[in-house]
All heavy atoms as atom14 arrays in JSON, in Angstrom:
{
  "sequence": "RMQEGELERRNTRDALVSIAMAHANDEQLRVEALRLLFSDEDPSADEA",
  "atom14_mask": [
    [1, 1, 1, 1, 1, 1, 1, 1, 1, 1, 1, 0, 0, 0],
    [1, 1, 1, 1, 1, 1, 1, 1, 0, 0, 0, 0, 0, 0],
    [1, 1, 1, 1, 1, 1, 1, 1, 1, 0, 0, 0, 0, 0],
    [1, 1, 1, 1, 1, 1, 1, 1, 1, 0, 0, 0, 0, 0],
    [1, 1, 1, 1, 0, 0, 0, 0, 0, 0, 0, 0, 0, 0],
    [1, 1, 1, 1, 1, 1, 1, 1, 1, 0, 0, 0, 0, 0],
    [1, 1, 1, 1, 1, 1, 1, 1, 0, 0, 0, 0, 0, 0],
    [1, 1, 1, 1, 1, 1, 1, 1, 1, 0, 0, 0, 0, 0],
    [1, 1, 1, 1, 1, 1, 1, 1, 1, 1, 1, 0, 0, 0],
    [1, 1, 1, 1, 1, 1, 1, 1, 1, 1, 1, 0, 0, 0],
    [1, 1, 1, 1, 1, 1, 1, 1, 0, 0, 0, 0, 0, 0],
    [1, 1, 1, 1, 1, 1, 1, 0, 0, 0, 0, 0, 0, 0],
    [1, 1, 1, 1, 1, 1, 1, 1, 1, 1, 1, 0, 0, 0],
    [1, 1, 1, 1, 1, 1, 1, 1, 0, 0, 0, 0, 0, 0],
    [1, 1, 1, 1, 1, 0, 0, 0, 0, 0, 0, 0, 0, 0],
    [1, 1, 1, 1, 1, 1, 1, 1, 0, 0, 0, 0, 0, 0],
    [1, 1, 1, 1, 1, 1, 1, 0, 0, 0, 0, 0, 0, 0],
    [1, 1, 1, 1, 1, 1, 0, 0, 0, 0, 0, 0, 0, 0],
    [1, 1, 1, 1, 1, 1, 1, 1, 0, 0, 0, 0, 0, 0],
    [1, 1, 1, 1, 1, 0, 0, 0, 0, 0, 0, 0, 0, 0],
    [1, 1, 1, 1, 1, 1, 1, 1, 0, 0, 0, 0, 0, 0],
    [1, 1, 1, 1, 1, 0, 0, 0, 0, 0, 0, 0, 0, 0],
    [1, 1, 1, 1, 1, 1, 1, 1, 1, 1, 0, 0, 0, 0],
    [1, 1, 1, 1, 1, 0, 0, 0, 0, 0, 0, 0, 0, 0],
    [1, 1, 1, 1, 1, 1, 1, 1, 0, 0, 0, 0, 0, 0],
    [1, 1, 1, 1, 1, 1, 1, 1, 0, 0, 0, 0, 0, 0],
    [1, 1, 1, 1, 1, 1, 1, 1, 1, 0, 0, 0, 0, 0],
    [1, 1, 1, 1, 1, 1, 1, 1, 1, 0, 0, 0, 0, 0],
    [1, 1, 1, 1, 1, 1, 1, 1, 0, 0, 0, 0, 0, 0],
    [1, 1, 1, 1, 1, 1, 1, 1, 1, 1, 1, 0, 0, 0],
    [1, 1, 1, 1, 1, 1, 1, 0, 0, 0, 0, 0, 0, 0],
    [1, 1, 1, 1, 1, 1, 1, 1, 1, 0, 0, 0, 0, 0],
    [1, 1, 1, 1, 1, 0, 0, 0, 0, 0, 0, 0, 0, 0],
    [1, 1, 1, 1, 1, 1, 1, 1, 0, 0, 0, 0, 0, 0],
    [1, 1, 1, 1, 1, 1, 1, 1, 1, 1, 1, 0, 0, 0],
    [1, 1, 1, 1, 1, 1, 1, 1, 0, 0, 0, 0, 0, 0],
    [1, 1, 1, 1, 1, 1, 1, 1, 0, 0, 0, 0, 0, 0],
    [1, 1, 1, 1, 1, 1, 1, 1, 1, 1, 1, 0, 0, 0],
    [1, 1, 1, 1, 1, 1, 0, 0, 0, 0, 0, 0, 0, 0],
    [1, 1, 1, 1, 1, 1, 1, 1, 0, 0, 0, 0, 0, 0],
    [1, 1, 1, 1, 1, 1, 1, 1, 1, 0, 0, 0, 0, 0],
    [1, 1, 1, 1, 1, 1, 1, 1, 0, 0, 0, 0, 0, 0],
    [1, 1, 1, 1, 1, 1, 1, 0, 0, 0, 0, 0, 0, 0],
    [1, 1, 1, 1, 1, 1, 0, 0, 0, 0, 0, 0, 0, 0],
    [1, 1, 1, 1, 1, 0, 0, 0, 0, 0, 0, 0, 0, 0],
    [1, 1, 1, 1, 1, 1, 1, 1, 0, 0, 0, 0, 0, 0],
    [1, 1, 1, 1, 1, 1, 1, 1, 1, 0, 0, 0, 0, 0],
    [1, 1, 1, 1, 1, 0, 0, 0, 0, 0, 0, 0, 0, 0]
  ],
  "atom14_positions": [
    [[0.85, -1.21, 0.04], [-0.03, -0.01, 0.05], [0.83, 1.27, 0.01], [0.51, 2.29, -0.56], [-0.95, -0.01, 1.2], [-2.01, -1.15, 1.17], [-2.85, -1.14, 2.4], [-3.6, 0.1, 2.58], [-4.22, 0.42, 3.71], [-4.26, -0.43, 4.76], [-4.86, 1.55, 3.8], [0.0, 0.0, 0.0], [0.0, 0.0, 0.0], [0.0, 0.0, 0.0]],
    [[2.05, 1.22, 0.64], [2.92, 2.33, 0.62], [3.44, 2.62, -0.76], [3.48, 3.69, -1.29], [4.14, 2.07, 1.52], [5.17, 3.24, 1.63], [6.77, 2.63, 2.2], [7.41, 1.85, 0.72], [0.0, 0.0, 0.0], [0.0, 0.0, 0.0], [0.0, 0.0, 0.0], [0.0, 0.0, 0.0], [0.0, 0.0, 0.0], [0.0, 0.0, 0.0]],
    [[3.81, 1.48, -1.53], [4.27, 1.6, -2.89], [3.25, 2.14, -3.81], [3.56, 2.83, -4.81], [4.79, 0.26, -3.36], [6.09, -0.24, -2.68], [6.51, -1.58, -3.1], [5.68, -2.5, -3.25], [7.81, -1.75, -3.4], [0.0, 0.0, 0.0], [0.0, 0.0, 0.0], [0.0, 0.0, 0.0], [0.0, 0.0, 0.0], [0.0, 0.0, 0.0]],
    [[1.97, 1.83, -3.49], [0.9, 2.36, -4.28], [0.43, 3.8, -3.89], [-0.54, 4.29, -4.41], [-0.33, 1.36, -4.16], [0.0, 0.04, -4.81], [-1.11, -0.99, -4.52], [-1.98, -0.68, -3.71], [-1.06, -2.1, -5.14], [0.0, 0.0, 0.0], [0.0, 0.0, 0.0], [0.0, 0.0, 0.0], [0.0, 0.0, 0.0], [0.0, 0.0, 0.0]],
    [[1.07, 4.32, -2.88], [0.77, 5.67, -2.44], [-0.32, 5.78, -1.48], [-0.77, 6.93, -1.14], [0.0, 0.0, 0.0], [0.0, 0.0, 0.0], [0.0, 0.0, 0.0], [0.0, 0.0, 0.0], [0.0, 0.0, 0.0], [0.0, 0.0, 0.0], [0.0, 0.0, 0.0], [0.0, 0.0, 0.0], [0.0, 0.0, 0.0], [0.0, 0.0, 0.0]],
    [[-0.84, 4.67, -0.96], [-1.95, 4.73, 0.05], [-1.4, 5.06, 1.42], [-2.22, 5.65, 2.24], [-2.74, 3.44, 0.06], [-3.45, 3.15, -1.28], [-4.19, 1.85, -1.2], [-4.69, 1.52, -0.12], [-4.36, 1.21, -2.22], [0.0, 0.0, 0.0], [0.0, 0.0, 0.0], [0.0, 0.0, 0.0], [0.0, 0.0, 0.0], [0.0, 0.0, 0.0]],
    [[-0.21, 4.66, 1.75], [0.33, 4.9, 3.08], [1.59, 5.79, 2.92], [2.36, 5.69, 1.92], [0.74, 3.65, 3.71], [-0.45, 2.65, 4.15], [0.08, 1.38, 4.81], [-1.41, 3.37, 5.12], [0.0, 0.0, 0.0], [0.0, 0.0, 0.0], [0.0, 0.0, 0.0], [0.0, 0.0, 0.0], [0.0, 0.0, 0.0], [0.0, 0.0, 0.0]],
    [[1.81, 6.6, 3.92], [3.04, 7.47, 3.86], [4.3, 6.66, 4.03], [4.41, 5.83, 4.91], [2.93, 8.53, 4.97], [3.96, 9.54, 4.91], [3.83, 10.68, 5.97], [2.64, 10.96, 6.27], [4.88, 11.14, 6.51], [0.0, 0.0, 0.0], [0.0, 0.0, 0.0], [0.0, 0.0, 0.0], [0.0, 0.0, 0.0], [0.0, 0.0, 0.0]],
    [[5.24, 6.96, 3.19], [6.57, 6.17, 3.21], [7.24, 6.3, 4.51], [7.61, 5.23, 5.1], [7.42, 6.7, 2.09], [8.87, 6.15, 2.11], [9.68, 6.67, 0.95], [9.05, 6.27, -0.33], [9.34, 5.13, -0.92], [10.12, 4.25, -0.37], [8.69, 4.82, -2.03], [0.0, 0.0, 0.0], [0.0, 0.0, 0.0], [0.0, 0.0, 0.0]],
    [[7.34, 7.48, 5.14], [8.11, 7.63, 6.37], [7.43, 6.85, 7.51], [8.14, 6.17, 8.28], [8.23, 9.1, 6.75], [8.96, 9.35, 8.08], [9.16, 10.84, 8.31], [9.85, 11.03, 9.59], [10.17, 12.23, 10.02], [9.82, 13.34, 9.33], [10.74, 12.32, 11.26], [0.0, 0.0, 0.0], [0.0, 0.0, 0.0], [0.0, 0.0, 0.0]],
    [[6.18, 6.95, 7.63], [5.48, 6.21, 8.74], [5.59, 4.72, 8.59], [5.77, 4.02, 9.53], [4.01, 6.61, 8.74], [3.8, 8.08, 9.21], [4.77, 8.66, 9.79], [2.6, 8.6, 8.98], [0.0, 0.0, 0.0], [0.0, 0.0, 0.0], [0.0, 0.0, 0.0], [0.0, 0.0, 0.0], [0.0, 0.0, 0.0], [0.0, 0.0, 0.0]],
    [[5.47, 4.25, 7.33], [5.6, 2.75, 7.13], [7.0, 2.28, 7.38], [7.19, 1.24, 8.03], [5.21, 2.49, 5.66], [3.92, 3.04, 5.33], [5.2, 0.99, 5.43], [0.0, 0.0, 0.0], [0.0, 0.0, 0.0], [0.0, 0.0, 0.0], [0.0, 0.0, 0.0], [0.0, 0.0, 0.0], [0.0, 0.0, 0.0], [0.0, 0.0, 0.0]],
    [[8.0, 3.03, 6.94], [9.34, 2.66, 7.24], [9.67, 2.64, 8.67], [10.31, 1.74, 9.23], [10.35, 3.57, 6.5], [10.5, 3.31, 4.98], [11.58, 4.13, 4.39], [12.9, 3.89, 5.12], [13.71, 2.9, 4.79], [13.47, 2.11, 3.8], [14.87, 2.78, 5.5], [0.0, 0.0, 0.0], [0.0, 0.0, 0.0], [0.0, 0.0, 0.0]],
    [[9.19, 3.69, 9.41], [9.38, 3.77, 10.86], [8.8, 2.63, 11.6], [9.39, 2.09, 12.53], [8.82, 5.14, 11.42], [9.72, 6.34, 11.02], [10.84, 6.12, 10.52], [9.2, 7.47, 11.23], [0.0, 0.0, 0.0], [0.0, 0.0, 0.0], [0.0, 0.0, 0.0], [0.0, 0.0, 0.0], [0.0, 0.0, 0.0], [0.0, 0.0, 0.0]],
    [[7.61, 2.18, 11.18], [6.97, 1.03, 11.85], [7.76, -0.19, 11.61], [7.93, -1.01, 12.56], [5.56, 0.9, 11.24], [0.0, 0.0, 0.0], [0.0, 0.0, 0.0], [0.0, 0.0, 0.0], [0.0, 0.0, 0.0], [0.0, 0.0, 0.0], [0.0, 0.0, 0.0], [0.0, 0.0, 0.0], [0.0, 0.0, 0.0], [0.0, 0.0, 0.0]],
    [[8.31, -0.45, 10.39], [9.13, -1.58, 10.11], [10.44, -1.58, 10.84], [10.92, -2.59, 11.31], [9.39, -1.69, 8.62], [8.14, -2.1, 7.78], [8.41, -1.99, 6.31], [7.65, -3.54, 8.09], [0.0, 0.0, 0.0], [0.0, 0.0, 0.0], [0.0, 0.0, 0.0], [0.0, 0.0, 0.0], [0.0, 0.0, 0.0], [0.0, 0.0, 0.0]],
    [[11.04, -0.35, 10.93], [12.31, -0.29, 11.78], [12.04, -0.65, 13.16], [12.85, -1.4, 13.82], [12.87, 1.21, 11.67], [14.03, 1.38, 12.65], [13.34, 1.41, 10.23], [0.0, 0.0, 0.0], [0.0, 0.0, 0.0], [0.0, 0.0, 0.0], [0.0, 0.0, 0.0], [0.0, 0.0, 0.0], [0.0, 0.0, 0.0], [0.0, 0.0, 0.0]],
    [[10.96, -0.22, 13.75], [10.56, -0.57, 15.1], [10.46, -2.04, 15.34], [10.93, -2.6, 16.3], [9.31, 0.15, 15.55], [9.52, 1.58, 15.56], [0.0, 0.0, 0.0], [0.0, 0.0, 0.0], [0.0, 0.0, 0.0], [0.0, 0.0, 0.0], [0.0, 0.0, 0.0], [0.0, 0.0, 0.0], [0.0, 0.0, 0.0], [0.0, 0.0, 0.0]],
    [[9.77, -2.72, 14.4], [9.64, -4.14, 14.44], [11.01, -4.87, 14.31], [11.26, -5.75, 15.09], [8.66, -4.63, 13.29], [7.22, -4.08, 13.57], [8.65, -6.13, 13.17], [6.29, -4.32, 12.44], [0.0, 0.0, 0.0], [0.0, 0.0, 0.0], [0.0, 0.0, 0.0], [0.0, 0.0, 0.0], [0.0, 0.0, 0.0], [0.0, 0.0, 0.0]],
    [[11.77, -4.44, 13.43], [13.1, -5.04, 13.21], [13.99, -4.88, 14.39], [14.77, -5.8, 14.77], [13.8, -4.46, 11.94], [0.0, 0.0, 0.0], [0.0, 0.0, 0.0], [0.0, 0.0, 0.0], [0.0, 0.0, 0.0], [0.0, 0.0, 0.0], [0.0, 0.0, 0.0], [0.0, 0.0, 0.0], [0.0, 0.0, 0.0], [0.0, 0.0, 0.0]],
    [[13.9, -3.79, 15.09], [14.83, -3.53, 16.22], [14.38, -4.11, 17.51], [15.19, -4.21, 18.48], [15.0, -1.96, 16.36], [15.87, -1.32, 15.33], [16.25, 0.31, 15.73], [17.63, 0.68, 14.59], [0.0, 0.0, 0.0], [0.0, 0.0, 0.0], [0.0, 0.0, 0.0], [0.0, 0.0, 0.0], [0.0, 0.0, 0.0], [0.0, 0.0, 0.0]],
    [[13.15, -4.51, 17.67], [12.6, -5.1, 18.89], [13.13, -6.46, 19.11], [12.67, -7.4, 18.4], [11.11, -4.97, 18.93], [0.0, 0.0, 0.0], [0.0, 0.0, 0.0], [0.0, 0.0, 0.0], [0.0, 0.0, 0.0], [0.0, 0.0, 0.0], [0.0, 0.0, 0.0], [0.0, 0.0, 0.0], [0.0, 0.0, 0.0], [0.0, 0.0, 0.0]],
    [[14.01, -6.73, 20.06], [14.59, -8.08, 20.22], [13.55, -9.06, 20.66], [13.78, -10.27, 20.49], [15.77, -7.93, 21.28], [16.85, -7.11, 20.85], [17.91, -6.71, 21.72], [17.21, -6.57, 19.6], [18.75, -5.99, 21.11], [18.34, -5.91, 19.8], [0.0, 0.0, 0.0], [0.0, 0.0, 0.0], [0.0, 0.0, 0.0], [0.0, 0.0, 0.0]],
    [[12.46, -8.64, 21.31], [11.44, -9.52, 21.78], [10.58, -10.08, 20.67], [9.96, -11.1, 20.84], [10.52, -8.79, 22.77], [0.0, 0.0, 0.0], [0.0, 0.0, 0.0], [0.0, 0.0, 0.0], [0.0, 0.0, 0.0], [0.0, 0.0, 0.0], [0.0, 0.0, 0.0], [0.0, 0.0, 0.0], [0.0, 0.0, 0.0], [0.0, 0.0, 0.0]],
    [[10.64, -9.53, 19.51], [9.85, -10.04, 18.34], [10.51, -11.32, 17.8], [11.65, -11.58, 17.94], [9.77, -9.03, 17.24], [8.87, -7.83, 17.57], [7.96, -8.03, 18.43], [9.01, -6.73, 16.94], [0.0, 0.0, 0.0], [0.0, 0.0, 0.0], [0.0, 0.0, 0.0], [0.0, 0.0, 0.0], [0.0, 0.0, 0.0], [0.0, 0.0, 0.0]],
    [[9.68, -12.12, 17.18], [10.13, -13.36, 16.46], [11.28, -12.98, 15.5], [11.19, -12.01, 14.73], [8.93, -13.94, 15.72], [9.37, -15.25, 15.01], [9.5, -16.28, 15.65], [9.68, -15.1, 13.77], [0.0, 0.0, 0.0], [0.0, 0.0, 0.0], [0.0, 0.0, 0.0], [0.0, 0.0, 0.0], [0.0, 0.0, 0.0], [0.0, 0.0, 0.0]],
    [[12.28, -13.84, 15.48], [13.42, -13.53, 14.66], [13.11, -13.45, 13.16], [13.56, -12.61, 12.41], [14.47, -14.66, 14.85], [15.8, -14.44, 14.22], [16.78, -15.54, 14.59], [16.67, -16.68, 14.02], [17.7, -15.33, 15.39], [0.0, 0.0, 0.0], [0.0, 0.0, 0.0], [0.0, 0.0, 0.0], [0.0, 0.0, 0.0], [0.0, 0.0, 0.0]],
    [[12.21, -14.39, 12.65], [11.89, -14.43, 11.23], [11.04, -13.16, 10.93], [11.1, -12.63, 9.78], [11.12, -15.65, 10.86], [12.03, -16.92, 10.95], [13.3, -16.78, 10.1], [13.21, -16.39, 8.97], [14.43, -17.13, 10.68], [0.0, 0.0, 0.0], [0.0, 0.0, 0.0], [0.0, 0.0, 0.0], [0.0, 0.0, 0.0], [0.0, 0.0, 0.0]],
    [[10.25, -12.73, 11.89], [9.44, -11.52, 11.59], [10.41, -10.33, 11.46], [10.23, -9.45, 10.53], [8.48, -11.33, 12.83], [7.64, -10.04, 12.74], [6.52, -10.17, 11.68], [7.02, -9.76, 14.18], [0.0, 0.0, 0.0], [0.0, 0.0, 0.0], [0.0, 0.0, 0.0], [0.0, 0.0, 0.0], [0.0, 0.0, 0.0], [0.0, 0.0, 0.0]],
    [[11.43, -10.27, 12.25], [12.41, -9.13, 12.19], [13.19, -9.18, 10.93], [13.39, -8.15, 10.31], [13.29, -9.2, 13.42], [12.61, -9.05, 14.73], [13.56, -9.25, 15.92], [14.57, -8.22, 15.98], [15.85, -8.39, 16.36], [16.25, -9.58, 16.83], [16.62, -7.37, 16.41], [0.0, 0.0, 0.0], [0.0, 0.0, 0.0], [0.0, 0.0, 0.0]],
    [[13.57, -10.37, 10.48], [14.31, -10.52, 9.22], [13.43, -10.06, 8.05], [13.91, -9.33, 7.15], [14.78, -11.97, 9.0], [15.25, -12.17, 7.57], [15.8, -12.35, 9.99], [0.0, 0.0, 0.0], [0.0, 0.0, 0.0], [0.0, 0.0, 0.0], [0.0, 0.0, 0.0], [0.0, 0.0, 0.0], [0.0, 0.0, 0.0], [0.0, 0.0, 0.0]],
    [[12.11, -10.43, 8.09], [11.22, -10.02, 7.01], [11.02, -8.49, 6.99], [10.92, -7.9, 5.89], [9.9, -10.76, 7.09], [8.95, -10.48, 5.9], [9.53, -10.98, 4.61], [10.45, -11.85, 4.58], [9.09, -10.42, 3.56], [0.0, 0.0, 0.0], [0.0, 0.0, 0.0], [0.0, 0.0, 0.0], [0.0, 0.0, 0.0], [0.0, 0.0, 0.0]],
    [[11.0, -7.86, 8.15], [10.87, -6.43, 8.2], [12.11, -5.81, 7.53], [12.05, -4.82, 6.81], [10.72, -5.98, 9.65], [0.0, 0.0, 0.0], [0.0, 0.0, 0.0], [0.0, 0.0, 0.0], [0.0, 0.0, 0.0], [0.0, 0.0, 0.0], [0.0, 0.0, 0.0], [0.0, 0.0, 0.0], [0.0, 0.0, 0.0], [0.0, 0.0, 0.0]],
    [[13.28, -6.33, 7.77], [14.5, -5.8, 7.2], [14.51, -6.06, 5.64], [14.97, -5.24, 4.91], [15.72, -6.52, 7.78], [16.04, -6.07, 9.24], [17.11, -7.02, 9.86], [16.48, -4.66, 9.3], [0.0, 0.0, 0.0], [0.0, 0.0, 0.0], [0.0, 0.0, 0.0], [0.0, 0.0, 0.0], [0.0, 0.0, 0.0], [0.0, 0.0, 0.0]],
    [[14.02, -7.24, 5.2], [13.98, -7.54, 3.74], [13.08, -6.43, 3.08], [13.49, -5.9, 2.01], [13.35, -8.88, 3.5], [14.2, -10.06, 3.83], [13.54, -11.34, 3.36], [14.21, -12.49, 4.01], [15.32, -13.01, 3.56], [15.97, -12.53, 2.57], [15.84, -14.13, 4.2], [0.0, 0.0, 0.0], [0.0, 0.0, 0.0], [0.0, 0.0, 0.0]],
    [[11.97, -6.11, 3.65], [11.09, -5.14, 3.08], [11.79, -3.81, 3.01], [11.77, -3.04, 2.0], [9.77, -5.03, 3.78], [8.85, -6.27, 3.68], [7.72, -6.22, 4.7], [8.34, -6.36, 2.24], [0.0, 0.0, 0.0], [0.0, 0.0, 0.0], [0.0, 0.0, 0.0], [0.0, 0.0, 0.0], [0.0, 0.0, 0.0], [0.0, 0.0, 0.0]],
    [[12.42, -3.38, 4.14], [13.1, -2.08, 4.19], [14.19, -2.05, 3.12], [14.37, -1.0, 2.44], [13.67, -1.89, 5.59], [12.7, -1.52, 6.73], [13.41, -1.64, 8.07], [12.16, -0.06, 6.57], [0.0, 0.0, 0.0], [0.0, 0.0, 0.0], [0.0, 0.0, 0.0], [0.0, 0.0, 0.0], [0.0, 0.0, 0.0], [0.0, 0.0, 0.0]],
    [[14.98, -3.12, 3.04], [16.11, -3.07, 2.14], [15.7, -3.29, 0.63], [16.55, -3.06, -0.24], [17.15, -4.19, 2.56], [17.75, -3.95, 3.85], [18.53, -4.92, 4.44], [17.56, -2.72, 4.55], [19.15, -4.73, 5.74], [18.19, -2.55, 5.79], [18.94, -3.55, 6.4], [0.0, 0.0, 0.0], [0.0, 0.0, 0.0], [0.0, 0.0, 0.0]],
    [[14.46, -3.56, 0.41], [13.97, -3.63, -0.98], [13.53, -2.28, -1.49], [13.15, -2.15, -2.64], [12.79, -4.66, -1.05], [11.62, -4.08, -0.47], [0.0, 0.0, 0.0], [0.0, 0.0, 0.0], [0.0, 0.0, 0.0], [0.0, 0.0, 0.0], [0.0, 0.0, 0.0], [0.0, 0.0, 0.0], [0.0, 0.0, 0.0], [0.0, 0.0, 0.0]],
    [[13.58, -1.26, -0.65], [13.09, 0.08, -1.03], [14.01, 0.64, -2.12], [15.24, 0.76, -1.96], [13.19, 0.98, 0.23], [12.28, 2.22, 0.05], [12.0, 2.59, -1.13], [12.04, 2.92, 1.07], [0.0, 0.0, 0.0], [0.0, 0.0, 0.0], [0.0, 0.0, 0.0], [0.0, 0.0, 0.0], [0.0, 0.0, 0.0], [0.0, 0.0, 0.0]],
    [[13.33, 0.99, -3.2], [14.15, 1.45, -4.43], [14.13, 3.01, -4.45], [14.74, 3.63, -5.37], [13.52, 0.94, -5.69], [13.69, -0.58, -5.79], [13.0, -1.07, -7.04], [12.44, -0.27, -7.82], [13.12, -2.29, -7.31], [0.0, 0.0, 0.0], [0.0, 0.0, 0.0], [0.0, 0.0, 0.0], [0.0, 0.0, 0.0], [0.0, 0.0, 0.0]],
    [[13.63, 3.69, -3.41], [13.73, 5.14, -3.4], [15.15, 5.53, -3.34], [15.99, 4.95, -2.6], [12.96, 5.65, -2.18], [12.86, 7.17, -2.12], [13.81, 7.77, -1.51], [11.91, 7.71, -2.61], [0.0, 0.0, 0.0], [0.0, 0.0, 0.0], [0.0, 0.0, 0.0], [0.0, 0.0, 0.0], [0.0, 0.0, 0.0], [0.0, 0.0, 0.0]],
    [[15.55, 6.57, -4.02], [16.98, 7.04, -4.04], [17.54, 7.34, -2.67], [18.8, 7.14, -2.49], [16.96, 8.32, -4.94], [15.75, 8.14, -5.76], [14.72, 7.38, -4.97], [0.0, 0.0, 0.0], [0.0, 0.0, 0.0], [0.0, 0.0, 0.0], [0.0, 0.0, 0.0], [0.0, 0.0, 0.0], [0.0, 0.0, 0.0], [0.0, 0.0, 0.0]],
    [[16.79, 7.75, -1.78], [17.32, 8.12, -0.4], [17.34, 6.86, 0.51], [17.79, 6.96, 1.63], [16.48, 9.21, 0.22], [15.09, 8.75, 0.43], [0.0, 0.0, 0.0], [0.0, 0.0, 0.0], [0.0, 0.0, 0.0], [0.0, 0.0, 0.0], [0.0, 0.0, 0.0], [0.0, 0.0, 0.0], [0.0, 0.0, 0.0], [0.0, 0.0, 0.0]],
    [[16.81, 5.74, 0.07], [16.58, 4.64, 1.0], [17.84, 3.94, 1.33], [17.98, 3.43, 2.48], [15.62, 3.63, 0.36], [0.0, 0.0, 0.0], [0.0, 0.0, 0.0], [0.0, 0.0, 0.0], [0.0, 0.0, 0.0], [0.0, 0.0, 0.0], [0.0, 0.0, 0.0], [0.0, 0.0, 0.0], [0.0, 0.0, 0.0], [0.0, 0.0, 0.0]],
    [[18.88, 3.86, 0.49], [20.1, 3.12, 0.73], [20.83, 3.73, 1.96], [21.24, 2.95, 2.84], [20.99, 3.06, -0.47], [22.03, 1.99, -0.32], [21.73, 0.81, -0.23], [23.25, 2.38, -0.31], [0.0, 0.0, 0.0], [0.0, 0.0, 0.0], [0.0, 0.0, 0.0], [0.0, 0.0, 0.0], [0.0, 0.0, 0.0], [0.0, 0.0, 0.0]],
    [[20.9, 4.95, 2.02], [21.64, 5.66, 3.17], [20.85, 5.4, 4.46], [21.35, 5.11, 5.5], [21.82, 7.12, 2.89], [22.53, 7.89, 4.01], [22.68, 9.35, 3.67], [22.45, 9.74, 2.51], [23.1, 10.06, 4.59], [0.0, 0.0, 0.0], [0.0, 0.0, 0.0], [0.0, 0.0, 0.0], [0.0, 0.0, 0.0], [0.0, 0.0, 0.0]],
    [[19.49, 5.53, 4.34], [18.68, 5.26, 5.55], [18.8, 3.83, 6.08], [18.87, 3.5, 7.23], [17.24, 5.61, 5.23], [0.0, 0.0, 0.0], [0.0, 0.0, 0.0], [0.0, 0.0, 0.0], [0.0, 0.0, 0.0], [0.0, 0.0, 0.0], [0.0, 0.0, 0.0], [0.0, 0.0, 0.0], [0.0, 0.0, 0.0], [0.0, 0.0, 0.0]]
  ]
}
């Protein structure tokens, strides 16, 4: 939905970063959050 413009990019990324960084979350859940973040093709995403 973020890629389709329905959700704001910054808020979506921030939510995924929070999931990835929370050690209490399931490991595979955290890895998948990172996969999604790292698939971001926005020019500014690589530095973030």
